[in-house]
Amino acid sequence: MRTISMLAMAGFMLLPTLAHAQSDYPNRIVKIVNPYAAGGTTDLLTRALAVGLSSRLGQQFIVENKAGAGGAIGTAGVARSNPDGYELLFAPALVLTVHPQARTDTGYKSDALAPICQTFENAMGLVVKPDSPIKSIADLVAAARARPGQLNYGHQGPSTIPHLAMEEFLINAKLDIKDIPFRSDPAVITDVLGGRIDVGAVVMGVVAGQNVRIIGIFAETRHSSFPDAPTVKEQGFDVSPTSFGGLLAPAATPAPVRAKLAAACEGAAKDEIYESAAKRAAQPTTYYADAATFRQRLQRDTERKAEVLKRLSAKPQ
């Protein structure tokens, strides 16, 4: 009883310290982990958001790229970090909605991180080099059926949205095209242009300014940044997955800290610097959503991705 009383007293004495730490947040540098290589869409947007967060919260927000395992390595690091708001994650939903149910080596569960705010939504697309004989989805289908198993496509990593989008298309179209994983979208584009892969499945944000031909976009309607590029759906295949994401914190991060981050994130996502970066990354105007909406989308996406993964597991090898 004496020991319990002493522990209880120690806990009560600690409460004012914890409350002050939360109200004083942030009082030192905050790190935002981008679990992908530098140069991609998420890297551009992470750095733009960090500027707005720094100006609003009065402390420097720095970005650290920690690539590997399709984003799982960087995500696991943040999930295991001290939940005090000083290590955050900027990533697509798939790190929570796909990886924990597709793999056994992530080291974290789907509820390991709490949404702060959604700040991006990406369409996926298929690209080829400008002089490729493949000029449309119909051409790709014809070439793949003429040479089953001989064509290949690149993507940014296993179980990423470009990978899952292409695999869903291949199942839908009953095609056999070999996949080749890379570490980033820019690397995929490089090998498409170099002729080392036939097709690239990429986030559309990296396509702007690149000398590639878009043969199809995975979306319900045409992309405002690429109005001349037809969707895969309008070319006869009803496949239109999108990727969304934003800022997340370890699940046990105190509510006052998460609320302060969320308020700052809403403003930062609407700053001219971020809006400019979002435009360069081919973002829709509706890229922002609050924590509650972000959480709901994550829950729905987890359910939908479970269906896709089930279909993939049944795909003949």
Protein backbone atom coordinates (compact mmCIF):
# COMPACT_ATOMS: atom_id res chain seq x y z
CA MET A 1 0.00 0.00 0.00
CA ARG A 2 2.85 2.33 0.87
CA THR A 3 4.50 1.69 -2.50
CA ILE A 4 1.21 2.26 -4.34
CA SER A 5 0.68 5.53 -2.50
CA MET A 6 4.16 6.73 -3.38
CA LEU A 7 3.64 5.84 -7.07
CA ALA A 8 0.30 7.62 -7.11
CA MET A 9 1.84 10.72 -5.56
CA ALA A 10 4.65 10.66 -8.09
CA GLY A 11 2.06 10.44 -10.87
CA PHE A 12 0.17 13.45 -9.54
CA MET A 13 3.40 15.43 -9.27
CA LEU A 14 4.20 14.57 -12.90
CA LEU A 15 0.85 15.78 -14.29
CA PRO A 16 1.68 19.53 -14.23
CA THR A 17 4.99 18.81 -15.98
CA LEU A 18 3.25 16.84 -18.73
CA ALA A 19 0.55 19.49 -19.12
CA HIS A 20 3.20 22.20 -19.44
CA ALA A 21 5.15 20.16 -21.99
CA GLN A 22 2.01 19.80 -24.09
CA SER A 23 1.01 23.46 -23.87
CA ASP A 24 4.60 24.49 -24.60
CA TYR A 25 4.76 22.29 -27.71
CA PRO A 26 6.89 22.55 -29.75
CA ASN A 27 9.93 23.84 -27.86
CA ARG A 28 12.57 22.16 -30.05
CA ILE A 29 13.10 20.92 -33.60
CA VAL A 30 10.41 18.61 -34.99
CA LYS A 31 11.34 15.89 -37.50
CA ILE A 32 8.99 14.81 -40.31
CA VAL A 33 9.92 11.47 -41.83
CA ASN A 34 9.21 10.92 -45.51
CA PRO A 35 9.49 7.13 -45.99
CA TYR A 36 10.55 7.47 -49.63
CA ALA A 37 13.59 8.66 -51.54
CA ALA A 38 14.16 12.35 -52.22
CA GLY A 39 12.83 13.76 -55.47
CA GLY A 40 9.38 12.21 -55.52
CA THR A 41 5.93 13.75 -55.05
CA THR A 42 5.75 13.15 -51.30
CA ASP A 43 9.22 14.68 -50.86
CA LEU A 44 8.17 17.88 -52.65
CA LEU A 45 4.98 18.16 -50.60
CA THR A 46 6.60 17.25 -47.26
CA ARG A 47 9.14 20.04 -47.60
CA ALA A 48 6.50 22.59 -48.61
CA LEU A 49 4.31 21.65 -45.62
CA ALA A 50 7.30 21.82 -43.24
CA VAL A 51 7.78 25.50 -44.17
CA GLY A 52 4.20 26.36 -43.20
CA LEU A 53 4.32 24.36 -39.97
CA SER A 54 7.59 26.04 -38.96
CA SER A 55 6.18 29.53 -39.48
CA ARG A 56 2.98 28.77 -37.55
CA LEU A 57 4.43 26.90 -34.59
CA GLY A 58 7.65 28.85 -34.14
CA GLN A 59 10.04 25.91 -34.33
CA GLN A 60 11.93 24.37 -37.21
CA PHE A 61 10.31 21.35 -38.87
CA ILE A 62 12.95 19.34 -40.73
CA VAL A 63 12.45 16.54 -43.25
CA GLU A 64 14.28 13.22 -43.17
CA ASN A 65 14.03 10.75 -46.05
CA LYS A 66 14.07 7.18 -44.78
CA ALA A 67 13.29 5.01 -47.79
CA GLY A 68 12.91 1.25 -47.97
CA ALA A 69 10.37 -1.58 -48.13
CA GLY A 70 7.81 0.55 -49.96
CA GLY A 71 7.65 3.05 -47.11
CA ALA A 72 7.41 0.49 -44.29
CA ILE A 73 10.87 1.15 -42.83
CA GLY A 74 10.36 4.87 -42.26
CA THR A 75 6.81 4.28 -41.03
CA ALA A 76 7.92 1.67 -38.50
CA GLY A 77 10.53 4.08 -37.15
CA VAL A 78 7.95 6.76 -36.47
CA ALA A 79 5.45 4.25 -35.06
CA ARG A 80 8.07 3.16 -32.50
CA SER A 81 9.22 6.69 -31.66
CA ASN A 82 8.40 8.60 -28.49
CA PRO A 83 4.77 9.83 -28.90
CA ASP A 84 5.49 13.43 -27.97
CA GLY A 85 4.95 15.15 -31.32
CA TYR A 86 8.63 15.57 -32.17
CA GLU A 87 8.76 12.79 -34.77
CA LEU A 88 5.99 12.72 -37.38
CA LEU A 89 5.28 10.92 -40.63
CA PHE A 90 4.24 12.32 -44.01
CA ALA A 91 3.08 9.42 -46.14
CA PRO A 92 0.37 7.91 -48.32
CA ALA A 93 -2.41 5.89 -46.75
CA LEU A 94 -1.00 2.61 -48.03
CA VAL A 95 1.61 2.47 -45.25
CA LEU A 96 -1.33 1.84 -42.90
CA THR A 97 -4.04 0.41 -45.15
CA VAL A 98 -1.91 -2.00 -47.20
CA HIS A 99 1.43 -2.91 -45.63
CA PRO A 100 0.21 -4.26 -42.26
CA GLN A 101 -2.22 -6.65 -43.97
CA ALA A 102 0.00 -7.53 -46.94
CA ARG A 103 3.20 -8.26 -45.01
CA THR A 104 4.36 -9.79 -41.75
CA ASP A 105 7.60 -7.83 -41.37
CA THR A 106 6.41 -4.24 -40.99
CA GLY A 107 6.84 -4.09 -37.23
CA TYR A 108 3.67 -2.04 -36.75
CA LYS A 109 -0.12 -2.37 -36.99
CA SER A 110 -2.61 -0.30 -38.96
CA ASP A 111 -3.60 1.67 -35.84
CA ALA A 112 -0.02 2.58 -34.91
CA LEU A 113 -0.37 6.14 -36.22
CA ALA A 114 -3.03 8.80 -35.78
CA PRO A 115 -4.09 11.05 -38.69
CA ILE A 116 -3.37 14.77 -38.27
CA CYS A 117 -4.51 16.07 -41.66
CA GLN A 118 -4.81 14.89 -45.25
CA THR A 119 -2.83 17.11 -47.62
CA PHE A 120 -2.58 15.22 -50.89
CA GLU A 121 -4.42 12.92 -53.29
CA ASN A 122 -2.67 11.34 -56.25
CA ALA A 123 -3.83 9.69 -59.43
CA MET A 124 -1.75 6.87 -60.89
CA GLY A 125 -0.93 6.45 -64.56
CA LEU A 126 0.89 4.38 -67.15
CA VAL A 127 3.68 5.94 -69.19
CA VAL A 128 5.97 4.83 -72.01
CA LYS A 129 8.85 6.49 -73.83
CA PRO A 130 7.85 8.89 -76.64
CA ASP A 131 8.84 6.57 -79.50
CA SER A 132 7.29 3.44 -77.98
CA PRO A 133 4.99 1.49 -80.33
CA ILE A 134 2.56 1.35 -77.39
CA LYS A 135 0.35 4.41 -77.81
CA SER A 136 -2.75 3.35 -75.87
CA ILE A 137 -4.13 0.78 -73.46
CA ALA A 138 -5.39 -1.18 -76.48
CA ASP A 139 -1.83 -1.31 -77.84
CA LEU A 140 -0.53 -2.49 -74.46
CA VAL A 141 -3.16 -5.22 -74.28
CA ALA A 142 -2.40 -6.36 -77.84
CA ALA A 143 1.37 -6.44 -77.23
CA ALA A 144 0.99 -8.33 -73.94
CA ARG A 145 -1.31 -10.92 -75.50
CA ALA A 146 1.03 -11.37 -78.46
CA ARG A 147 4.02 -11.89 -76.14
CA PRO A 148 2.70 -13.20 -72.80
CA GLY A 149 5.20 -12.79 -69.98
CA GLN A 150 7.73 -10.94 -72.14
CA LEU A 151 6.73 -7.33 -71.45
CA ASN A 152 7.64 -5.67 -68.16
CA TYR A 153 6.61 -2.64 -66.13
CA GLY A 154 8.26 -0.66 -63.35
CA HIS A 155 6.74 0.67 -60.13
CA GLN A 156 7.95 2.39 -56.97
CA GLY A 157 7.90 -0.73 -54.79
CA PRO A 158 5.92 -3.81 -53.75
CA SER A 159 2.36 -3.10 -52.51
CA THR A 160 2.58 0.61 -53.36
CA ILE A 161 -0.49 2.10 -55.02
CA PRO A 162 1.07 2.23 -58.53
CA HIS A 163 1.94 -1.46 -58.13
CA LEU A 164 -1.53 -2.41 -56.86
CA ALA A 165 -3.24 -0.28 -59.53
CA MET A 166 -1.31 -2.02 -62.32
CA GLU A 167 -1.87 -5.47 -60.82
CA GLU A 168 -5.60 -4.78 -60.52
CA PHE A 169 -5.57 -3.76 -64.20
CA LEU A 170 -3.66 -6.91 -65.20
CA ILE A 171 -6.16 -9.11 -63.34
CA ASN A 172 -9.04 -7.22 -64.95
CA ALA A 173 -7.53 -7.49 -68.43
CA LYS A 174 -6.20 -11.05 -67.91
CA LEU A 175 -2.66 -10.07 -68.92
CA ASP A 176 0.76 -11.40 -67.97
CA ILE A 177 3.27 -8.54 -67.66
CA LYS A 178 6.30 -8.89 -65.39
CA ASP A 179 6.70 -6.30 -62.62
CA ILE A 180 10.04 -4.74 -61.70
CA PRO A 181 10.20 -2.87 -58.37
CA PHE A 182 12.21 0.34 -57.97
CA ARG A 183 12.84 2.61 -54.99
CA SER A 184 11.09 5.69 -56.40
CA ASP A 185 9.01 7.07 -59.27
CA PRO A 186 11.92 9.13 -60.71
CA ALA A 187 13.92 5.90 -61.04
CA VAL A 188 11.02 4.31 -62.92
CA ILE A 189 10.83 7.29 -65.30
CA THR A 190 14.59 7.08 -65.92
CA ASP A 191 14.38 3.43 -66.96
CA VAL A 192 11.29 4.03 -69.09
CA LEU A 193 13.14 6.74 -71.02
CA GLY A 194 16.22 4.53 -71.24
CA GLY A 195 14.19 1.72 -72.79
CA ARG A 196 15.05 -0.72 -70.01
CA ILE A 197 11.39 -1.24 -69.11
CA ASP A 198 8.37 -1.18 -71.41
CA VAL A 199 5.90 0.66 -69.19
CA GLY A 200 6.01 2.67 -65.99
CA ALA A 201 3.20 2.69 -63.40
CA VAL A 202 3.74 5.98 -61.58
CA VAL A 203 2.17 8.75 -59.55
CA MET A 204 1.02 11.43 -62.00
CA GLY A 205 2.72 14.13 -59.96
CA VAL A 206 6.13 13.07 -61.27
CA VAL A 207 5.04 13.10 -64.92
CA ALA A 208 4.74 16.87 -65.35
CA GLY A 209 7.63 18.16 -67.45
CA GLN A 210 8.84 14.66 -68.34
CA ASN A 211 9.28 13.60 -71.97
CA VAL A 212 7.02 10.56 -71.69
CA ARG A 213 3.77 9.48 -73.33
CA ILE A 214 0.81 8.88 -71.01
CA ILE A 215 -1.21 5.95 -72.28
CA GLY A 216 -3.76 5.89 -69.46
CA ILE A 217 -4.64 7.35 -66.06
CA PHE A 218 -6.28 5.37 -63.27
CA ALA A 219 -9.11 7.78 -62.42
CA GLU A 220 -12.86 8.23 -62.76
CA THR A 221 -12.44 11.32 -64.93
CA ARG A 222 -9.62 12.95 -66.89
CA HIS A 223 -6.94 14.71 -64.89
CA SER A 224 -7.06 18.52 -65.02
CA SER A 225 -3.27 18.69 -65.41
CA PHE A 226 -3.31 16.21 -68.31
CA PRO A 227 -6.62 16.83 -70.10
CA ASP A 228 -5.53 15.08 -73.29
CA ALA A 229 -4.62 11.83 -71.53
CA PRO A 230 -7.50 9.32 -71.49
CA THR A 231 -8.36 7.36 -68.38
CA VAL A 232 -7.92 3.60 -68.26
CA LYS A 233 -11.63 3.39 -67.53
CA GLU A 234 -12.68 5.18 -70.71
CA GLN A 235 -10.45 2.77 -72.62
CA GLY A 236 -12.52 -0.16 -71.44
CA PHE A 237 -11.12 -1.23 -68.06
CA ASP A 238 -12.90 -0.16 -64.85
CA VAL A 239 -9.82 0.33 -62.68
CA SER A 240 -9.42 3.70 -60.95
CA PRO A 241 -7.65 3.52 -57.56
CA THR A 242 -6.20 6.72 -56.11
CA SER A 243 -3.65 7.44 -53.41
CA PHE A 244 -4.17 9.92 -50.59
CA GLY A 245 -2.22 10.80 -47.49
CA GLY A 246 -0.74 13.46 -45.30
CA LEU A 247 0.62 14.08 -41.83
CA LEU A 248 0.45 11.41 -39.11
CA ALA A 249 1.74 11.05 -35.55
CA PRO A 250 2.31 8.05 -33.24
CA ALA A 251 -1.11 6.94 -31.96
CA ALA A 252 -0.32 7.72 -28.31
CA THR A 253 0.60 11.35 -29.03
CA PRO A 254 -1.36 13.53 -26.54
CA ALA A 255 -4.60 15.00 -27.92
CA PRO A 256 -3.55 18.64 -27.21
CA VAL A 257 -0.38 18.15 -29.28
CA ARG A 258 -2.31 16.53 -32.13
CA ALA A 259 -4.87 19.34 -32.04
CA LYS A 260 -2.16 21.99 -32.22
CA LEU A 261 -0.53 20.19 -35.15
CA ALA A 262 -3.87 19.80 -36.93
CA ALA A 263 -4.67 23.52 -36.66
CA ALA A 264 -1.23 24.45 -37.97
CA CYS A 265 -1.47 21.87 -40.74
CA GLU A 266 -4.78 23.25 -42.00
CA GLY A 267 -3.21 26.68 -42.42
CA ALA A 268 0.07 25.36 -43.85
CA ALA A 269 -1.77 23.27 -46.46
CA LYS A 270 -3.45 26.43 -47.73
CA ASP A 271 -0.32 28.59 -47.81
CA GLU A 272 0.88 29.87 -51.16
CA ILE A 273 4.07 27.79 -50.84
CA TYR A 274 2.15 24.55 -50.38
CA GLU A 275 -0.49 25.40 -52.98
CA SER A 276 2.29 26.07 -55.48
CA ALA A 277 3.95 22.72 -54.66
CA ALA A 278 0.59 20.96 -54.90
CA LYS A 279 0.02 22.46 -58.34
CA ARG A 280 3.45 21.27 -59.51
CA ALA A 281 2.61 17.82 -58.14
CA ALA A 282 -0.63 17.76 -60.18
CA GLN A 283 -2.86 17.81 -57.11
CA PRO A 284 -6.63 18.34 -57.29
CA THR A 285 -8.03 21.43 -55.56
CA THR A 286 -9.66 19.18 -52.93
CA TYR A 287 -6.42 17.71 -51.56
CA TYR A 288 -6.99 18.87 -47.94
CA ALA A 289 -9.15 17.08 -45.33
CA ASP A 290 -9.27 17.32 -41.54
CA ALA A 291 -8.26 14.57 -39.13
CA ALA A 292 -11.76 13.08 -38.77
CA THR A 293 -12.29 12.84 -42.52
CA PHE A 294 -8.77 11.48 -43.00
CA ARG A 295 -9.45 8.79 -40.38
CA GLN A 296 -12.69 7.74 -42.09
CA ARG A 297 -10.95 7.49 -45.47
CA LEU A 298 -8.21 5.35 -43.92
CA GLN A 299 -10.78 2.94 -42.51
CA ARG A 300 -12.60 2.63 -45.84
CA ASP A 301 -9.35 2.22 -47.75
CA THR A 302 -8.22 -0.58 -45.44
CA GLU A 303 -11.40 -2.50 -46.29
CA ARG A 304 -11.06 -1.90 -50.05
CA LYS A 305 -7.38 -2.82 -50.14
CA ALA A 306 -8.17 -6.07 -48.33
CA GLU A 307 -10.32 -7.03 -51.33
CA VAL A 308 -7.56 -6.15 -53.84
CA LEU A 309 -4.95 -8.06 -51.85
CA LYS A 310 -7.24 -11.08 -51.68
CA ARG A 311 -7.60 -11.02 -55.48
CA LEU A 312 -3.83 -10.67 -55.89
CA SER A 313 -3.17 -13.64 -53.62
CA ALA A 314 -5.41 -15.74 -55.85
CA LYS A 315 -3.60 -14.62 -59.02
CA PRO A 316 -1.70 -17.48 -60.73
CA GLN A 317 2.06 -17.10 -60.31
